[in-house]
Amino acid sequence: MDMSDYALAQLANERLAHAREVASRRALLASLTPRGPSLRVRLGGALVALGQRLLGEPAPQRVTP
């Protein structure tokens, strides 16, 4: 099936307009959601803090002459 240049340009413009609309909706959604540290970062920090708390006081360092 051969398409004329005009029909091909119209199809490309429609697809481009749709892609821009989707991108603007996604950008709007992203701007509305609060962005803080991810769950992975928060969980990692909590685990590190827990590990340090469980260790208690640090072990004495050996002094080498």
N, C-alpha and C. Protein backbone atom coordinates (compact mmCIF):
# COMPACT_ATOMS: atom_id res chain seq x y z
N MET A 1 0.85 -1.18 0.00
CA MET A 1 0.00 0.00 0.00
C MET A 1 0.89 1.23 0.00
N ASP A 2 0.70 2.07 -0.99
CA ASP A 2 1.47 3.29 -1.11
C ASP A 2 0.70 4.45 -0.47
N MET A 3 1.39 5.23 0.35
CA MET A 3 0.75 6.38 0.98
C MET A 3 1.32 7.64 0.37
N SER A 4 0.47 8.61 0.21
CA SER A 4 0.96 9.89 -0.30
C SER A 4 1.75 10.59 0.79
N ASP A 5 2.55 11.53 0.36
CA ASP A 5 3.35 12.29 1.33
C ASP A 5 2.47 13.05 2.31
N TYR A 6 1.36 13.56 1.82
CA TYR A 6 0.44 14.31 2.68
C TYR A 6 -0.15 13.40 3.76
N ALA A 7 -0.61 12.21 3.37
CA ALA A 7 -1.21 11.29 4.33
C ALA A 7 -0.17 10.84 5.35
N LEU A 8 1.04 10.59 4.90
CA LEU A 8 2.11 10.19 5.81
C LEU A 8 2.45 11.30 6.79
N ALA A 9 2.48 12.54 6.31
CA ALA A 9 2.76 13.67 7.19
C ALA A 9 1.63 13.85 8.21
N GLN A 10 0.38 13.67 7.80
CA GLN A 10 -0.75 13.78 8.71
C GLN A 10 -0.68 12.71 9.79
N LEU A 11 -0.36 11.50 9.41
CA LEU A 11 -0.24 10.40 10.36
C LEU A 11 0.89 10.69 11.36
N ALA A 12 2.01 11.18 10.87
CA ALA A 12 3.13 11.51 11.75
C ALA A 12 2.75 12.63 12.71
N ASN A 13 2.04 13.63 12.23
CA ASN A 13 1.61 14.73 13.10
C ASN A 13 0.65 14.26 14.18
N GLU A 14 -0.26 13.34 13.83
CA GLU A 14 -1.20 12.81 14.82
C GLU A 14 -0.46 12.02 15.90
N ARG A 15 0.49 11.20 15.48
CA ARG A 15 1.25 10.42 16.45
C ARG A 15 2.10 11.32 17.34
N LEU A 16 2.68 12.35 16.76
CA LEU A 16 3.50 13.28 17.53
C LEU A 16 2.64 14.04 18.53
N ALA A 17 1.46 14.47 18.12
CA ALA A 17 0.56 15.17 19.02
C ALA A 17 0.15 14.26 20.18
N HIS A 18 -0.13 13.00 19.88
CA HIS A 18 -0.51 12.05 20.93
C HIS A 18 0.65 11.83 21.90
N ALA A 19 1.86 11.68 21.37
CA ALA A 19 3.04 11.48 22.22
C ALA A 19 3.27 12.69 23.12
N ARG A 20 3.07 13.89 22.58
CA ARG A 20 3.24 15.10 23.40
C ARG A 20 2.19 15.16 24.50
N GLU A 21 0.96 14.75 24.18
CA GLU A 21 -0.11 14.76 25.17
C GLU A 21 0.19 13.78 26.31
N VAL A 22 0.65 12.60 25.95
CA VAL A 22 1.00 11.60 26.97
C VAL A 22 2.15 12.11 27.84
N ALA A 23 3.14 12.71 27.21
CA ALA A 23 4.29 13.23 27.96
C ALA A 23 3.88 14.35 28.91
N SER A 24 2.97 15.21 28.47
CA SER A 24 2.55 16.30 29.35
C SER A 24 1.73 15.77 30.52
N ARG A 25 0.93 14.73 30.30
CA ARG A 25 0.18 14.13 31.40
C ARG A 25 1.11 13.48 32.41
N ARG A 26 2.11 12.78 31.91
CA ARG A 26 3.07 12.15 32.81
C ARG A 26 3.86 13.19 33.60
N ALA A 27 4.23 14.28 32.96
CA ALA A 27 4.95 15.35 33.65
C ALA A 27 4.07 15.98 34.73
N LEU A 28 2.80 16.16 34.43
CA LEU A 28 1.87 16.71 35.42
C LEU A 28 1.74 15.77 36.61
N LEU A 29 1.60 14.49 36.35
CA LEU A 29 1.51 13.51 37.44
C LEU A 29 2.77 13.50 38.28
N ALA A 30 3.91 13.56 37.62
CA ALA A 30 5.18 13.54 38.35
C ALA A 30 5.34 14.79 39.21
N SER A 31 4.82 15.91 38.76
CA SER A 31 4.95 17.13 39.55
C SER A 31 4.00 17.13 40.74
N LEU A 32 2.94 16.34 40.69
CA LEU A 32 1.98 16.31 41.79
C LEU A 32 2.36 15.33 42.89
N THR A 33 3.13 14.31 42.56
CA THR A 33 3.49 13.33 43.57
C THR A 33 4.71 13.81 44.34
N PRO A 34 4.68 13.68 45.67
CA PRO A 34 5.83 14.12 46.46
C PRO A 34 7.02 13.21 46.22
N ARG A 35 8.16 13.82 46.01
CA ARG A 35 9.36 13.04 45.76
C ARG A 35 10.30 13.17 46.95
N GLY A 36 10.53 12.10 47.61
CA GLY A 36 11.48 12.05 48.71
C GLY A 36 12.41 10.88 48.45
N PRO A 37 13.15 10.53 49.46
CA PRO A 37 14.00 9.35 49.29
C PRO A 37 13.15 8.11 49.01
N SER A 38 13.64 7.26 48.17
CA SER A 38 12.89 6.06 47.82
C SER A 38 12.81 5.12 49.02
N LEU A 39 11.92 4.18 48.93
CA LEU A 39 11.76 3.20 50.01
C LEU A 39 13.06 2.44 50.23
N ARG A 40 13.76 2.12 49.16
CA ARG A 40 15.02 1.38 49.27
C ARG A 40 16.05 2.18 50.06
N VAL A 41 16.13 3.49 49.81
CA VAL A 41 17.10 4.33 50.50
C VAL A 41 16.73 4.46 51.98
N ARG A 42 15.45 4.66 52.25
CA ARG A 42 15.02 4.78 53.65
C ARG A 42 15.24 3.48 54.41
N LEU A 43 14.93 2.35 53.78
CA LEU A 43 15.12 1.06 54.43
C LEU A 43 16.60 0.80 54.68
N GLY A 44 17.44 1.13 53.71
CA GLY A 44 18.88 0.95 53.90
C GLY A 44 19.41 1.77 55.04
N GLY A 45 18.98 3.03 55.15
CA GLY A 45 19.41 3.88 56.25
C GLY A 45 18.95 3.34 57.60
N ALA A 46 17.72 2.83 57.64
CA ALA A 46 17.20 2.27 58.88
C ALA A 46 17.99 1.02 59.28
N LEU A 47 18.34 0.19 58.31
CA LEU A 47 19.11 -1.01 58.62
C LEU A 47 20.52 -0.67 59.10
N VAL A 48 21.12 0.33 58.51
CA VAL A 48 22.45 0.75 58.95
C VAL A 48 22.38 1.29 60.37
N ALA A 49 21.38 2.11 60.66
CA ALA A 49 21.22 2.65 62.01
C ALA A 49 20.97 1.54 63.02
N LEU A 50 20.16 0.57 62.65
CA LEU A 50 19.90 -0.56 63.53
C LEU A 50 21.17 -1.36 63.78
N GLY A 51 21.94 -1.59 62.73
CA GLY A 51 23.19 -2.33 62.89
C GLY A 51 24.16 -1.61 63.81
N GLN A 52 24.26 -0.31 63.68
CA GLN A 52 25.15 0.47 64.55
C GLN A 52 24.65 0.44 65.99
N ARG A 53 23.36 0.46 66.16
CA ARG A 53 22.80 0.42 67.51
C ARG A 53 23.04 -0.94 68.15
N LEU A 54 22.91 -2.00 67.37
CA LEU A 54 23.14 -3.34 67.90
C LEU A 54 24.61 -3.57 68.24
N LEU A 55 25.50 -2.93 67.54
CA LEU A 55 26.92 -3.07 67.83
C LEU A 55 27.29 -2.46 69.17
N GLY A 56 26.56 -1.45 69.55
CA GLY A 56 26.88 -0.79 70.82
C GLY A 56 28.12 0.08 70.66
N GLU A 57 28.95 0.06 71.71
CA GLU A 57 30.16 0.85 71.65
C GLU A 57 31.16 0.15 70.74
N PRO A 58 31.94 0.94 70.01
CA PRO A 58 32.92 0.32 69.11
C PRO A 58 33.99 -0.43 69.90
N ALA A 59 34.52 -1.50 69.32
CA ALA A 59 35.57 -2.27 69.96
C ALA A 59 36.84 -1.42 70.06
N PRO A 60 37.64 -1.64 71.12
CA PRO A 60 38.87 -0.86 71.25
C PRO A 60 39.82 -1.17 70.11
N GLN A 61 40.50 -0.15 69.64
CA GLN A 61 41.43 -0.29 68.54
C GLN A 61 42.78 -0.78 69.05
N ARG A 62 43.40 -1.68 68.29
CA ARG A 62 44.73 -2.15 68.66
C ARG A 62 45.74 -1.09 68.29
N VAL A 63 46.66 -0.86 69.19
CA VAL A 63 47.71 0.10 68.94
C VAL A 63 48.93 -0.66 68.47
N THR A 64 49.41 -0.30 67.29
CA THR A 64 50.62 -0.96 66.77
C THR A 64 51.82 -0.06 66.98
N PRO A 65 52.91 -0.63 67.46
CA PRO A 65 54.10 0.21 67.73
C PRO A 65 54.75 0.72 66.48
